[in-house]
Full PDB file with SEQRES, HELIX, SHEET, SSBOND, CRYST1, ORIGX, SCALE, CONECT and MASTER records, all heavy atoms in Angstrom:
SEQRES   1 A   38  GLU ASP GLU PHE PRO ALA VAL VAL MET ALA ALA ALA ASN          
SEQRES   2 A   38  TYR ALA ALA VAL ARG CYS ARG GLY ASP ALA LEU GLU ALA          
SEQRES   3 A   38  PHE GLY PRO VAL LEU ASP ARG ALA LEU ARG PRO THR              
HELIX    1 AA1 PRO A    5  VAL A   17  1                                  13    
HELIX    2 AA2 GLY A   21  ALA A   23  5                                   3    
HELIX    3 AA3 LEU A   24  ALA A   34  1                                  11    
CRYST1    1.000    1.000    1.000  90.00  90.00  90.00 P 1           1          
ORIGX1      1.000000  0.000000  0.000000        0.00000                         
ORIGX2      0.000000  1.000000  0.000000        0.00000                         
ORIGX3      0.000000  0.000000  1.000000        0.00000                         
SCALE1      1.000000  0.000000  0.000000        0.00000                         
SCALE2      0.000000  1.000000  0.000000        0.00000                         
SCALE3      0.000000  0.000000  1.000000        0.00000                         
ATOM      1  N   GLU A   1     416.184  96.082 258.598  1.00  0.00           N  
ATOM      2  CA  GLU A   1     414.914  96.355 257.823  1.00  0.00           C  
ATOM      3  C   GLU A   1     413.724  96.236 258.766  1.00  0.00           C  
ATOM      4  O   GLU A   1     412.703  96.758 258.433  1.00  0.00           O  
ATOM      5  CB  GLU A   1     414.882  95.496 256.599  1.00  0.00           C  
ATOM      6  CG  GLU A   1     415.848  95.726 255.610  1.00  0.00           C  
ATOM      7  CD  GLU A   1     415.646  95.006 254.340  1.00  0.00           C  
ATOM      8  OE1 GLU A   1     414.617  94.172 254.247  1.00  0.00           O  
ATOM      9  OE2 GLU A   1     416.500  95.159 253.367  1.00  0.00           O  
ATOM     10  N   ASP A   2     413.858  95.604 259.912  1.00  0.00           N  
ATOM     11  CA  ASP A   2     412.702  95.468 260.773  1.00  0.00           C  
ATOM     12  C   ASP A   2     412.749  96.554 261.937  1.00  0.00           C  
ATOM     13  O   ASP A   2     411.876  96.495 262.763  1.00  0.00           O  
ATOM     14  CB  ASP A   2     412.716  94.026 261.385  1.00  0.00           C  
ATOM     15  CG  ASP A   2     412.448  92.937 260.383  1.00  0.00           C  
ATOM     16  OD1 ASP A   2     411.618  93.232 259.540  1.00  0.00           O  
ATOM     17  OD2 ASP A   2     413.005  91.892 260.489  1.00  0.00           O  
ATOM     18  N   GLU A   3     413.706  97.396 261.906  1.00  0.00           N  
ATOM     19  CA  GLU A   3     413.834  98.402 262.927  1.00  0.00           C  
ATOM     20  C   GLU A   3     412.700  99.436 262.777  1.00  0.00           C  
ATOM     21  O   GLU A   3     412.229  99.758 261.720  1.00  0.00           O  
ATOM     22  CB  GLU A   3     415.152  99.125 262.881  1.00  0.00           C  
ATOM     23  CG  GLU A   3     415.430 100.117 263.964  1.00  0.00           C  
ATOM     24  CD  GLU A   3     415.265  99.519 265.361  1.00  0.00           C  
ATOM     25  OE1 GLU A   3     414.180  99.579 265.880  1.00  0.00           O  
ATOM     26  OE2 GLU A   3     416.280  99.053 265.920  1.00  0.00           O  
ATOM     27  N   PHE A   4     412.315  99.889 263.963  1.00  0.00           N  
ATOM     28  CA  PHE A   4     411.232 100.916 263.958  1.00  0.00           C  
ATOM     29  C   PHE A   4     411.737 102.250 263.359  1.00  0.00           C  
ATOM     30  O   PHE A   4     412.846 102.676 263.634  1.00  0.00           O  
ATOM     31  CB  PHE A   4     410.717 101.084 265.428  1.00  0.00           C  
ATOM     32  CG  PHE A   4     409.439 101.835 265.541  1.00  0.00           C  
ATOM     33  CD1 PHE A   4     408.279 101.253 265.163  1.00  0.00           C  
ATOM     34  CD2 PHE A   4     409.412 103.141 265.930  1.00  0.00           C  
ATOM     35  CE1 PHE A   4     407.068 101.919 265.317  1.00  0.00           C  
ATOM     36  CE2 PHE A   4     408.153 103.827 266.137  1.00  0.00           C  
ATOM     37  CZ  PHE A   4     407.014 103.189 265.798  1.00  0.00           C  
ATOM     38  N   PRO A   5     410.913 102.937 262.573  1.00  0.00           N  
ATOM     39  CA  PRO A   5     411.352 104.136 261.882  1.00  0.00           C  
ATOM     40  C   PRO A   5     411.905 105.167 262.799  1.00  0.00           C  
ATOM     41  O   PRO A   5     412.912 105.925 262.365  1.00  0.00           O  
ATOM     42  CB  PRO A   5     410.092 104.669 261.163  1.00  0.00           C  
ATOM     43  CG  PRO A   5     409.296 103.347 260.864  1.00  0.00           C  
ATOM     44  CD  PRO A   5     409.527 102.469 262.094  1.00  0.00           C  
ATOM     45  N   ALA A   6     411.376 105.394 264.028  1.00  0.00           N  
ATOM     46  CA  ALA A   6     411.906 106.401 264.897  1.00  0.00           C  
ATOM     47  C   ALA A   6     413.442 106.121 265.216  1.00  0.00           C  
ATOM     48  O   ALA A   6     414.280 107.018 265.412  1.00  0.00           O  
ATOM     49  CB  ALA A   6     411.129 106.509 266.192  1.00  0.00           C  
ATOM     50  N   VAL A   7     413.732 104.825 265.375  1.00  0.00           N  
ATOM     51  CA  VAL A   7     415.155 104.474 265.740  1.00  0.00           C  
ATOM     52  C   VAL A   7     416.014 104.709 264.478  1.00  0.00           C  
ATOM     53  O   VAL A   7     417.171 105.155 264.515  1.00  0.00           O  
ATOM     54  CB  VAL A   7     415.169 102.994 266.099  1.00  0.00           C  
ATOM     55  CG1 VAL A   7     416.674 102.646 266.524  1.00  0.00           C  
ATOM     56  CG2 VAL A   7     414.310 102.747 267.328  1.00  0.00           C  
ATOM     57  N   VAL A   8     415.465 104.397 263.277  1.00  0.00           N  
ATOM     58  CA  VAL A   8     416.147 104.583 262.064  1.00  0.00           C  
ATOM     59  C   VAL A   8     416.491 106.087 261.832  1.00  0.00           C  
ATOM     60  O   VAL A   8     417.606 106.539 261.430  1.00  0.00           O  
ATOM     61  CB  VAL A   8     415.346 104.044 260.760  1.00  0.00           C  
ATOM     62  CG1 VAL A   8     416.009 104.495 259.476  1.00  0.00           C  
ATOM     63  CG2 VAL A   8     415.233 102.569 260.891  1.00  0.00           C  
ATOM     64  N   MET A   9     415.516 106.923 262.186  1.00  0.00           N  
ATOM     65  CA  MET A   9     415.756 108.394 262.073  1.00  0.00           C  
ATOM     66  C   MET A   9     416.842 108.860 263.004  1.00  0.00           C  
ATOM     67  O   MET A   9     417.676 109.686 262.640  1.00  0.00           O  
ATOM     68  CB  MET A   9     414.421 109.147 262.397  1.00  0.00           C  
ATOM     69  CG  MET A   9     413.353 109.052 261.305  1.00  0.00           C  
ATOM     70  SD  MET A   9     411.966 110.096 261.493  1.00  0.00           S  
ATOM     71  CE  MET A   9     410.960 109.127 262.619  1.00  0.00           C  
ATOM     72  N   ALA A  10     416.771 108.364 264.227  1.00  0.00           N  
ATOM     73  CA  ALA A  10     417.880 108.697 265.137  1.00  0.00           C  
ATOM     74  C   ALA A  10     419.202 108.263 264.678  1.00  0.00           C  
ATOM     75  O   ALA A  10     420.141 109.039 264.755  1.00  0.00           O  
ATOM     76  CB  ALA A  10     417.542 108.084 266.544  1.00  0.00           C  
ATOM     77  N   ALA A  11     419.304 107.089 264.051  1.00  0.00           N  
ATOM     78  CA  ALA A  11     420.509 106.582 263.557  1.00  0.00           C  
ATOM     79  C   ALA A  11     421.015 107.363 262.415  1.00  0.00           C  
ATOM     80  O   ALA A  11     422.298 107.604 262.213  1.00  0.00           O  
ATOM     81  CB  ALA A  11     420.421 105.062 263.250  1.00  0.00           C  
ATOM     82  N   ALA A  12     420.076 107.760 261.494  1.00  0.00           N  
ATOM     83  CA  ALA A  12     420.513 108.574 260.385  1.00  0.00           C  
ATOM     84  C   ALA A  12     420.971 109.974 260.798  1.00  0.00           C  
ATOM     85  O   ALA A  12     422.029 110.463 260.285  1.00  0.00           O  
ATOM     86  CB  ALA A  12     419.286 108.810 259.448  1.00  0.00           C  
ATOM     87  N   ASN A  13     420.381 110.532 261.793  1.00  0.00           N  
ATOM     88  CA  ASN A  13     420.807 111.777 262.347  1.00  0.00           C  
ATOM     89  C   ASN A  13     422.219 111.618 262.981  1.00  0.00           C  
ATOM     90  O   ASN A  13     423.079 112.541 262.853  1.00  0.00           O  
ATOM     91  CB  ASN A  13     419.837 112.248 263.382  1.00  0.00           C  
ATOM     92  CG  ASN A  13     420.208 113.744 263.904  1.00  0.00           C  
ATOM     93  OD1 ASN A  13     420.343 114.644 263.118  1.00  0.00           O  
ATOM     94  ND2 ASN A  13     420.397 113.799 265.154  1.00  0.00           N  
ATOM     95  N   TYR A  14     422.451 110.561 263.711  1.00  0.00           N  
ATOM     96  CA  TYR A  14     423.838 110.191 264.240  1.00  0.00           C  
ATOM     97  C   TYR A  14     424.781 110.250 263.172  1.00  0.00           C  
ATOM     98  O   TYR A  14     425.920 110.878 263.314  1.00  0.00           O  
ATOM     99  CB  TYR A  14     423.757 108.912 264.921  1.00  0.00           C  
ATOM    100  CG  TYR A  14     425.132 108.438 265.475  1.00  0.00           C  
ATOM    101  CD1 TYR A  14     425.402 108.564 266.833  1.00  0.00           C  
ATOM    102  CD2 TYR A  14     426.034 107.892 264.688  1.00  0.00           C  
ATOM    103  CE1 TYR A  14     426.641 108.131 267.316  1.00  0.00           C  
ATOM    104  CE2 TYR A  14     427.337 107.451 265.125  1.00  0.00           C  
ATOM    105  CZ  TYR A  14     427.572 107.574 266.434  1.00  0.00           C  
ATOM    106  OH  TYR A  14     428.799 107.212 266.895  1.00  0.00           O  
ATOM    107  N   ALA A  15     424.524 109.620 261.988  1.00  0.00           N  
ATOM    108  CA  ALA A  15     425.506 109.567 260.884  1.00  0.00           C  
ATOM    109  C   ALA A  15     425.871 110.892 260.403  1.00  0.00           C  
ATOM    110  O   ALA A  15     426.954 111.230 260.132  1.00  0.00           O  
ATOM    111  CB  ALA A  15     424.893 108.709 259.786  1.00  0.00           C  
ATOM    112  N   ALA A  16     424.833 111.775 260.294  1.00  0.00           N  
ATOM    113  CA  ALA A  16     425.085 113.176 259.851  1.00  0.00           C  
ATOM    114  C   ALA A  16     425.902 114.000 260.846  1.00  0.00           C  
ATOM    115  O   ALA A  16     426.839 114.652 260.505  1.00  0.00           O  
ATOM    116  CB  ALA A  16     423.727 113.876 259.545  1.00  0.00           C  
ATOM    117  N   VAL A  17     425.618 113.860 262.154  1.00  0.00           N  
ATOM    118  CA  VAL A  17     426.305 114.613 263.172  1.00  0.00           C  
ATOM    119  C   VAL A  17     427.754 114.136 263.293  1.00  0.00           C  
ATOM    120  O   VAL A  17     428.565 114.941 263.443  1.00  0.00           O  
ATOM    121  CB  VAL A  17     425.535 114.495 264.517  1.00  0.00           C  
ATOM    122  CG1 VAL A  17     426.390 115.046 265.622  1.00  0.00           C  
ATOM    123  CG2 VAL A  17     424.162 115.131 264.456  1.00  0.00           C  
ATOM    124  N   ARG A  18     427.919 112.846 263.190  1.00  0.00           N  
ATOM    125  CA  ARG A  18     429.301 112.234 263.340  1.00  0.00           C  
ATOM    126  C   ARG A  18     429.997 112.155 262.008  1.00  0.00           C  
ATOM    127  O   ARG A  18     431.127 111.681 261.985  1.00  0.00           O  
ATOM    128  CB  ARG A  18     429.183 110.861 263.920  1.00  0.00           C  
ATOM    129  CG  ARG A  18     428.530 110.846 265.357  1.00  0.00           C  
ATOM    130  CD  ARG A  18     429.399 111.515 266.314  1.00  0.00           C  
ATOM    131  NE  ARG A  18     428.843 111.376 267.745  1.00  0.00           N  
ATOM    132  CZ  ARG A  18     429.470 111.863 268.813  1.00  0.00           C  
ATOM    133  NH1 ARG A  18     430.588 112.596 268.644  1.00  0.00           N  
ATOM    134  NH2 ARG A  18     428.882 111.740 269.938  1.00  0.00           N  
ATOM    135  N   CYS A  19     429.419 112.666 260.869  1.00  0.00           N  
ATOM    136  CA  CYS A  19     429.969 112.679 259.564  1.00  0.00           C  
ATOM    137  C   CYS A  19     430.494 111.244 259.176  1.00  0.00           C  
ATOM    138  O   CYS A  19     431.642 111.044 258.727  1.00  0.00           O  
ATOM    139  CB  CYS A  19     431.237 113.662 259.523  1.00  0.00           C  
ATOM    140  SG  CYS A  19     430.693 115.425 259.531  1.00  0.00           S  
ATOM    141  N   ARG A  20     429.629 110.359 259.302  1.00  0.00           N  
ATOM    142  CA  ARG A  20     429.824 108.932 258.895  1.00  0.00           C  
ATOM    143  C   ARG A  20     429.439 108.720 257.458  1.00  0.00           C  
ATOM    144  O   ARG A  20     428.386 108.277 257.130  1.00  0.00           O  
ATOM    145  CB  ARG A  20     429.100 107.974 259.772  1.00  0.00           C  
ATOM    146  CG  ARG A  20     429.397 108.018 261.295  1.00  0.00           C  
ATOM    147  CD  ARG A  20     430.837 107.808 261.667  1.00  0.00           C  
ATOM    148  NE  ARG A  20     431.445 106.627 261.098  1.00  0.00           N  
ATOM    149  CZ  ARG A  20     432.547 106.011 261.615  1.00  0.00           C  
ATOM    150  NH1 ARG A  20     433.036 106.383 262.776  1.00  0.00           N  
ATOM    151  NH2 ARG A  20     433.045 104.947 260.929  1.00  0.00           N  
ATOM    152  N   GLY A  21     430.419 109.001 256.557  1.00  0.00           N  
ATOM    153  CA  GLY A  21     430.105 108.816 255.098  1.00  0.00           C  
ATOM    154  C   GLY A  21     429.800 107.344 254.774  1.00  0.00           C  
ATOM    155  O   GLY A  21     429.135 107.097 253.736  1.00  0.00           O  
ATOM    156  N   ASP A  22     430.299 106.431 255.616  1.00  0.00           N  
ATOM    157  CA  ASP A  22     430.002 105.003 255.303  1.00  0.00           C  
ATOM    158  C   ASP A  22     428.574 104.653 255.651  1.00  0.00           C  
ATOM    159  O   ASP A  22     428.220 103.430 255.523  1.00  0.00           O  
ATOM    160  CB  ASP A  22     431.018 104.106 255.994  1.00  0.00           C  
ATOM    161  CG  ASP A  22     431.140 104.446 257.545  1.00  0.00           C  
ATOM    162  OD1 ASP A  22     430.691 105.602 257.955  1.00  0.00           O  
ATOM    163  OD2 ASP A  22     431.724 103.657 258.249  1.00  0.00           O  
ATOM    164  N   ALA A  23     427.764 105.572 256.062  1.00  0.00           N  
ATOM    165  CA  ALA A  23     426.335 105.302 256.273  1.00  0.00           C  
ATOM    166  C   ALA A  23     425.492 105.358 254.954  1.00  0.00           C  
ATOM    167  O   ALA A  23     424.394 104.801 254.905  1.00  0.00           O  
ATOM    168  CB  ALA A  23     425.776 106.394 257.267  1.00  0.00           C  
ATOM    169  N   LEU A  24     426.064 105.968 253.982  1.00  0.00           N  
ATOM    170  CA  LEU A  24     425.261 106.174 252.701  1.00  0.00           C  
ATOM    171  C   LEU A  24     424.670 104.886 252.128  1.00  0.00           C  
ATOM    172  O   LEU A  24     423.584 104.824 251.667  1.00  0.00           O  
ATOM    173  CB  LEU A  24     426.110 106.875 251.647  1.00  0.00           C  
ATOM    174  CG  LEU A  24     426.494 108.325 252.008  1.00  0.00           C  
ATOM    175  CD1 LEU A  24     427.451 108.898 251.038  1.00  0.00           C  
ATOM    176  CD2 LEU A  24     425.235 109.214 251.989  1.00  0.00           C  
ATOM    177  N   GLU A  25     425.536 103.844 252.161  1.00  0.00           N  
ATOM    178  CA  GLU A  25     425.010 102.541 251.629  1.00  0.00           C  
ATOM    179  C   GLU A  25     423.754 102.078 252.367  1.00  0.00           C  
ATOM    180  O   GLU A  25     422.831 101.461 251.805  1.00  0.00           O  
ATOM    181  CB  GLU A  25     426.119 101.480 251.678  1.00  0.00           C  
ATOM    182  CG  GLU A  25     425.683 100.110 251.146  1.00  0.00           C  
ATOM    183  CD  GLU A  25     426.806  99.120 251.227  1.00  0.00           C  
ATOM    184  OE1 GLU A  25     427.902  99.484 251.567  1.00  0.00           O  
ATOM    185  OE2 GLU A  25     426.494  97.937 250.897  1.00  0.00           O  
ATOM    186  N   ALA A  26     423.748 102.269 253.731  1.00  0.00           N  
ATOM    187  CA  ALA A  26     422.602 101.832 254.492  1.00  0.00           C  
ATOM    188  C   ALA A  26     421.333 102.721 254.260  1.00  0.00           C  
ATOM    189  O   ALA A  26     420.196 102.317 254.565  1.00  0.00           O  
ATOM    190  CB  ALA A  26     422.927 101.875 255.989  1.00  0.00           C  
ATOM    191  N   PHE A  27     421.491 103.927 253.788  1.00  0.00           N  
ATOM    192  CA  PHE A  27     420.420 104.801 253.452  1.00  0.00           C  
ATOM    193  C   PHE A  27     419.623 104.264 252.257  1.00  0.00           C  
ATOM    194  O   PHE A  27     418.395 104.627 252.203  1.00  0.00           O  
ATOM    195  CB  PHE A  27     420.873 106.193 253.167  1.00  0.00           C  
ATOM    196  CG  PHE A  27     421.419 106.966 254.332  1.00  0.00           C  
ATOM    197  CD1 PHE A  27     422.182 108.150 254.082  1.00  0.00           C  
ATOM    198  CD2 PHE A  27     421.114 106.598 255.576  1.00  0.00           C  
ATOM    199  CE1 PHE A  27     422.648 108.864 255.166  1.00  0.00           C  
ATOM    200  CE2 PHE A  27     421.653 107.312 256.715  1.00  0.00           C  
ATOM    201  CZ  PHE A  27     422.365 108.406 256.485  1.00  0.00           C  
ATOM    202  N   GLY A  28     420.241 103.485 251.441  1.00  0.00           N  
ATOM    203  CA  GLY A  28     419.472 103.000 250.276  1.00  0.00           C  
ATOM    204  C   GLY A  28     418.220 102.184 250.580  1.00  0.00           C  
ATOM    205  O   GLY A  28     417.098 102.588 250.026  1.00  0.00           O  
ATOM    206  N   PRO A  29     418.274 101.236 251.404  1.00  0.00           N  
ATOM    207  CA  PRO A  29     417.062 100.551 251.771  1.00  0.00           C  
ATOM    208  C   PRO A  29     416.080 101.372 252.511  1.00  0.00           C  
ATOM    209  O   PRO A  29     414.822 101.096 252.413  1.00  0.00           O  
ATOM    210  CB  PRO A  29     417.563  99.358 252.689  1.00  0.00           C  
ATOM    211  CG  PRO A  29     418.898  99.200 252.257  1.00  0.00           C  
ATOM    212  CD  PRO A  29     419.513 100.588 251.865  1.00  0.00           C  
ATOM    213  N   VAL A  30     416.566 102.333 253.276  1.00  0.00           N  
ATOM    214  CA  VAL A  30     415.600 103.305 253.938  1.00  0.00           C  
ATOM    215  C   VAL A  30     414.768 104.093 252.903  1.00  0.00           C  
ATOM    216  O   VAL A  30     413.623 104.220 253.033  1.00  0.00           O  
ATOM    217  CB  VAL A  30     416.317 104.222 254.858  1.00  0.00           C  
ATOM    218  CG1 VAL A  30     415.416 105.225 255.526  1.00  0.00           C  
ATOM    219  CG2 VAL A  30     417.105 103.460 255.952  1.00  0.00           C  
ATOM    220  N   LEU A  31     415.409 104.540 251.860  1.00  0.00           N  
ATOM    221  CA  LEU A  31     414.797 105.198 250.775  1.00  0.00           C  
ATOM    222  C   LEU A  31     413.922 104.238 250.019  1.00  0.00           C  
ATOM    223  O   LEU A  31     412.735 104.692 249.569  1.00  0.00           O  
ATOM    224  CB  LEU A  31     415.870 105.795 249.897  1.00  0.00           C  
ATOM    225  CG  LEU A  31     415.408 106.620 248.720  1.00  0.00           C  
ATOM    226  CD1 LEU A  31     414.470 107.762 249.121  1.00  0.00           C  
ATOM    227  CD2 LEU A  31     416.557 107.163 247.813  1.00  0.00           C  
ATOM    228  N   ASP A  32     414.347 103.114 249.743  1.00  0.00           N  
ATOM    229  CA  ASP A  32     413.516 102.073 249.047  1.00  0.00           C  
ATOM    230  C   ASP A  32     412.155 101.932 249.666  1.00  0.00           C  
ATOM    231  O   ASP A  32     411.088 101.795 248.928  1.00  0.00           O  
ATOM    232  CB  ASP A  32     414.175 100.704 248.962  1.00  0.00           C  
ATOM    233  CG  ASP A  32     415.387 100.656 248.078  1.00  0.00           C  
ATOM    234  OD1 ASP A  32     415.582 101.620 247.231  1.00  0.00           O  
ATOM    235  OD2 ASP A  32     416.256  99.829 248.264  1.00  0.00           O  
ATOM    236  N   ARG A  33     412.086 101.831 250.955  1.00  0.00           N  
ATOM    237  CA  ARG A  33     410.817 101.591 251.666  1.00  0.00           C  
ATOM    238  C   ARG A  33     409.899 102.867 251.448  1.00  0.00           C  
ATOM    239  O   ARG A  33     408.668 102.651 251.385  1.00  0.00           O  
ATOM    240  CB  ARG A  33     411.063 101.385 253.136  1.00  0.00           C  
ATOM    241  CG  ARG A  33     411.743 100.003 253.420  1.00  0.00           C  
ATOM    242  CD  ARG A  33     411.692  99.617 254.906  1.00  0.00           C  
ATOM    243  NE  ARG A  33     412.612 100.500 255.700  1.00  0.00           N  
ATOM    244  CZ  ARG A  33     413.848 100.232 255.987  1.00  0.00           C  
ATOM    245  NH1 ARG A  33     414.392  99.129 255.390  1.00  0.00           N  
ATOM    246  NH2 ARG A  33     414.551 100.962 256.773  1.00  0.00           N  
ATOM    247  N   ALA A  34     410.504 103.938 251.355  1.00  0.00           N  
ATOM    248  CA  ALA A  34     409.641 105.222 251.126  1.00  0.00           C  
ATOM    249  C   ALA A  34     409.181 105.344 249.651  1.00  0.00           C  
ATOM    250  O   ALA A  34     408.217 106.040 249.394  1.00  0.00           O  
ATOM    251  CB  ALA A  34     410.391 106.414 251.518  1.00  0.00           C  
ATOM    252  N   LEU A  35     409.859 104.688 248.775  1.00  0.00           N  
ATOM    253  CA  LEU A  35     409.501 104.721 247.356  1.00  0.00           C  
ATOM    254  C   LEU A  35     408.538 103.671 246.872  1.00  0.00           C  
ATOM    255  O   LEU A  35     408.282 103.587 245.685  1.00  0.00           O  
ATOM    256  CB  LEU A  35     410.763 104.807 246.501  1.00  0.00           C  
ATOM    257  CG  LEU A  35     411.745 105.968 246.667  1.00  0.00           C  
ATOM    258  CD1 LEU A  35     412.945 105.756 245.896  1.00  0.00           C  
ATOM    259  CD2 LEU A  35     410.990 107.274 246.303  1.00  0.00           C  
ATOM    260  N   ARG A  36     408.058 102.796 247.797  1.00  0.00           N  
ATOM    261  CA  ARG A  36     407.040 101.869 247.464  1.00  0.00           C  
ATOM    262  C   ARG A  36     405.716 102.536 246.962  1.00  0.00           C  
ATOM    263  O   ARG A  36     405.575 103.724 247.268  1.00  0.00           O  
ATOM    264  CB  ARG A  36     406.820 100.934 248.595  1.00  0.00           C  
ATOM    265  CG  ARG A  36     407.934 100.090 248.999  1.00  0.00           C  
ATOM    266  CD  ARG A  36     407.715  99.393 250.278  1.00  0.00           C  
ATOM    267  NE  ARG A  36     408.773  98.503 250.718  1.00  0.00           N  
ATOM    268  CZ  ARG A  36     408.980  97.964 251.932  1.00  0.00           C  
ATOM    269  NH1 ARG A  36     408.178  98.286 252.916  1.00  0.00           N  
ATOM    270  NH2 ARG A  36     409.994  97.194 252.147  1.00  0.00           N  
ATOM    271  N   PRO A  37     404.941 101.852 246.167  1.00  0.00           N  
ATOM    272  CA  PRO A  37     403.698 102.422 245.717  1.00  0.00           C  
ATOM    273  C   PRO A  37     402.839 102.991 246.793  1.00  0.00           C  
ATOM    274  O   PRO A  37     402.196 104.030 246.583  1.00  0.00           O  
ATOM    275  CB  PRO A  37     403.043 101.298 244.921  1.00  0.00           C  
ATOM    276  CG  PRO A  37     404.161 100.419 244.493  1.00  0.00           C  
ATOM    277  CD  PRO A  37     405.213 100.458 245.611  1.00  0.00           C  
ATOM    278  N   THR A  38     402.700 102.338 247.860  1.00  0.00           N  
ATOM    279  CA  THR A  38     401.884 102.805 248.978  1.00  0.00           C  
ATOM    280  C   THR A  38     402.702 102.760 250.265  1.00  0.00           C  
ATOM    281  O   THR A  38     402.550 101.787 251.088  1.00  0.00           O  
ATOM    282  CB  THR A  38     400.564 102.018 249.156  1.00  0.00           C  
ATOM    283  OG1 THR A  38     400.922 100.616 249.243  1.00  0.00           O  
ATOM    284  CG2 THR A  38     399.625 102.277 247.958  1.00  0.00           C  
TER     285      THR A  38                                                      
MASTER        0    0    0    3    0    0    0    6  284    1    0    3          
END                                                                             
């Protein structure tokens, strides 16, 4: 949760390219941070 967003983006792209379906659980907190009020 303290990782810099650019690294998170690279990791999410890795998961898509490598078809890592087990990444989906880790996407939840990434989405949570974007859904905060501000």
